[in-house]
Protein backbone atom coordinates (compact mmCIF):
# COMPACT_ATOMS: atom_id res chain seq x y z
CA MET A 1 3.63 51.44 -27.85
CA SER A 2 6.75 50.73 -26.38
CA THR A 3 7.62 48.75 -23.11
CA ASP A 4 9.93 49.42 -20.34
CA GLN A 5 11.73 46.08 -20.54
CA SER A 6 13.52 47.42 -17.30
CA THR A 7 10.04 46.05 -14.86
CA TRP A 8 10.80 42.52 -16.49
CA ARG A 9 14.37 42.24 -14.88
CA ILE A 10 14.67 40.66 -11.68
CA SER A 11 17.68 41.38 -9.65
CA PRO A 12 20.31 38.86 -9.28
CA ILE A 13 19.51 38.63 -5.60
CA ARG A 14 15.71 38.19 -6.08
CA PHE A 15 16.68 35.31 -8.47
CA ALA A 16 18.93 33.49 -6.25
CA LEU A 17 16.13 33.87 -3.44
CA ILE A 18 13.76 31.83 -6.12
CA LEU A 19 15.94 29.54 -6.72
CA ALA A 20 16.82 28.71 -3.14
CA LEU A 21 12.73 28.64 -2.27
CA ILE A 22 12.18 26.97 -5.27
CA GLY A 23 15.50 24.44 -4.26
CA LEU A 24 13.66 23.95 -0.68
CA ALA A 25 10.14 22.81 -1.84
CA VAL A 26 11.88 20.11 -4.01
CA LEU A 27 13.98 18.81 -1.31
CA THR A 28 10.94 18.67 1.18
CA ALA A 29 9.24 16.93 -1.11
CA TYR A 30 11.73 14.18 -1.82
CA ARG A 31 12.29 13.81 1.84
CA LEU A 32 8.52 13.33 2.67
CA PHE A 33 8.05 10.77 -0.09
CA ARG A 34 11.14 9.20 0.32
CA ASN A 35 10.53 8.65 4.30
CA SER A 36 6.69 7.40 3.55
CA SER A 37 6.18 3.66 4.46
CA PRO A 38 4.52 1.95 2.14
CA TYR A 39 2.12 0.05 5.19
CA GLN A 40 -0.38 0.23 6.91
CA VAL A 41 -1.69 -1.15 9.62
CA GLU A 42 -5.31 -1.90 10.22
CA VAL A 43 -6.75 -3.07 12.65
CA PHE A 44 -10.37 -5.32 12.99
CA ALA A 45 -12.96 -6.76 15.05
CA THR A 46 -13.07 -11.02 15.10
CA SER A 47 -15.35 -12.79 16.81
CA THR A 48 -12.63 -13.78 19.72
CA GLY A 49 -11.34 -10.28 19.68
CA TRP A 50 -9.45 -8.23 17.73
CA GLY A 51 -6.92 -8.50 14.79
CA TYR A 52 -4.68 -6.24 12.52
CA ASP A 53 -3.97 -6.22 8.71
CA ILE A 54 -0.75 -4.83 6.98
CA LEU A 55 -0.52 -3.25 3.64
CA ASN A 56 2.02 -2.96 1.77
CA ASN A 57 0.77 -0.02 -0.89
CA GLY A 58 -2.46 -0.91 -0.02
CA ASN A 59 -2.18 -4.23 -1.10
CA PRO A 60 -2.75 -7.13 1.85
CA PHE A 61 0.45 -8.62 3.31
CA ILE A 62 -0.27 -10.18 6.08
CA HIS A 63 -3.74 -10.78 7.62
CA GLN A 64 -3.20 -11.56 12.17
CA PRO A 65 -6.73 -12.50 13.57
CA THR A 66 -5.00 -13.59 16.12
CA VAL A 67 -2.21 -12.83 18.97
CA PRO A 68 0.66 -14.54 17.25
CA GLY A 69 2.89 -17.29 18.39
CA GLN A 70 0.05 -18.32 20.83
CA ALA A 71 -1.89 -21.25 20.78
CA GLY A 72 -5.56 -21.52 19.85
CA THR A 73 -7.83 -18.34 18.32
CA VAL A 74 -7.46 -16.25 20.67
CA GLY A 75 -7.87 -12.72 19.28
CA PHE A 76 -6.52 -9.42 20.92
CA ALA A 77 -8.22 -8.69 24.15
CA SER A 78 -8.41 -4.71 22.95
CA GLN A 79 -8.18 -2.55 19.86
CA GLU A 80 -4.92 -0.59 21.08
CA GLN A 81 -3.20 -3.64 21.84
CA ALA A 82 -3.90 -4.88 18.07
CA ARG A 83 -2.62 -1.85 16.66
CA ARG A 84 0.11 -1.19 18.79
CA VAL A 85 1.15 -5.26 17.83
CA GLY A 86 0.60 -4.49 13.87
CA GLU A 87 2.57 -1.10 14.46
CA ARG A 88 5.26 -2.91 15.74
CA VAL A 89 5.57 -5.37 13.37
CA VAL A 90 5.51 -2.53 10.40
CA GLU A 91 8.76 -1.54 12.66
CA LYS A 92 10.45 -4.61 12.45
CA LEU A 93 9.38 -4.52 8.51
CA GLN A 94 10.99 -1.98 7.84
CA GLU A 95 14.23 -2.63 9.62
CA THR A 96 15.29 -5.89 8.31
CA LYS A 97 13.28 -6.52 5.17
CA ALA A 98 12.06 -9.77 6.48
CA LEU A 99 8.93 -11.27 7.72
CA PRO A 100 9.19 -10.40 11.75
CA THR A 101 8.97 -12.83 14.54
CA LEU A 102 7.31 -11.29 17.86
CA THR A 103 8.47 -12.79 21.12
CA ASN A 104 6.55 -13.05 23.95
CA ASP A 105 8.65 -10.15 25.63
CA GLU A 106 7.16 -7.97 22.99
CA LEU A 107 4.11 -8.70 23.03
CA ARG A 108 3.93 -8.54 27.04
CA GLN A 109 5.75 -5.02 26.25
CA LEU A 110 3.54 -3.99 23.60
CA GLY A 111 0.87 -4.72 27.04
CA VAL A 112 -0.63 -7.85 25.33
CA THR A 113 -1.75 -10.27 28.52
CA ILE A 114 0.39 -13.68 27.49
CA PRO A 115 -0.46 -16.72 29.63
C-alpha cells in the first residue's frame, strides 16, 4: 500500500495564512483578557432606597448602602442612580488604583439629588 505524500503537504502560503490566523486569535484573546476589569458593580435595595456593592474578582470590596459623603442613612432614589455611581467608582478605581471619593458635583452630574 502506498500513500501519496503530496496530499499531506501544505503550501507555504497556506502555512503562513494558518500561522497568521492562529496569531490573530491568540492576540485577540490576550487583549480581551487583559482589558477585562476585576471590578463588578451589584445594585441592591435597602430600606431607604438603593445601594451598591463593588466586587473585586468576585470578592466584596466596597459596600455602599447610602449616598456617599451625605449625612444620614439615605439610599439612592433609584436603581439606575446607584448603578451609575457604582460604575463611576469603578472607573476611578481603575484610574488611580486607590479608594475613590466622589464630590457633590460629581454625584449631581450622575443624576443624584444632593440637598
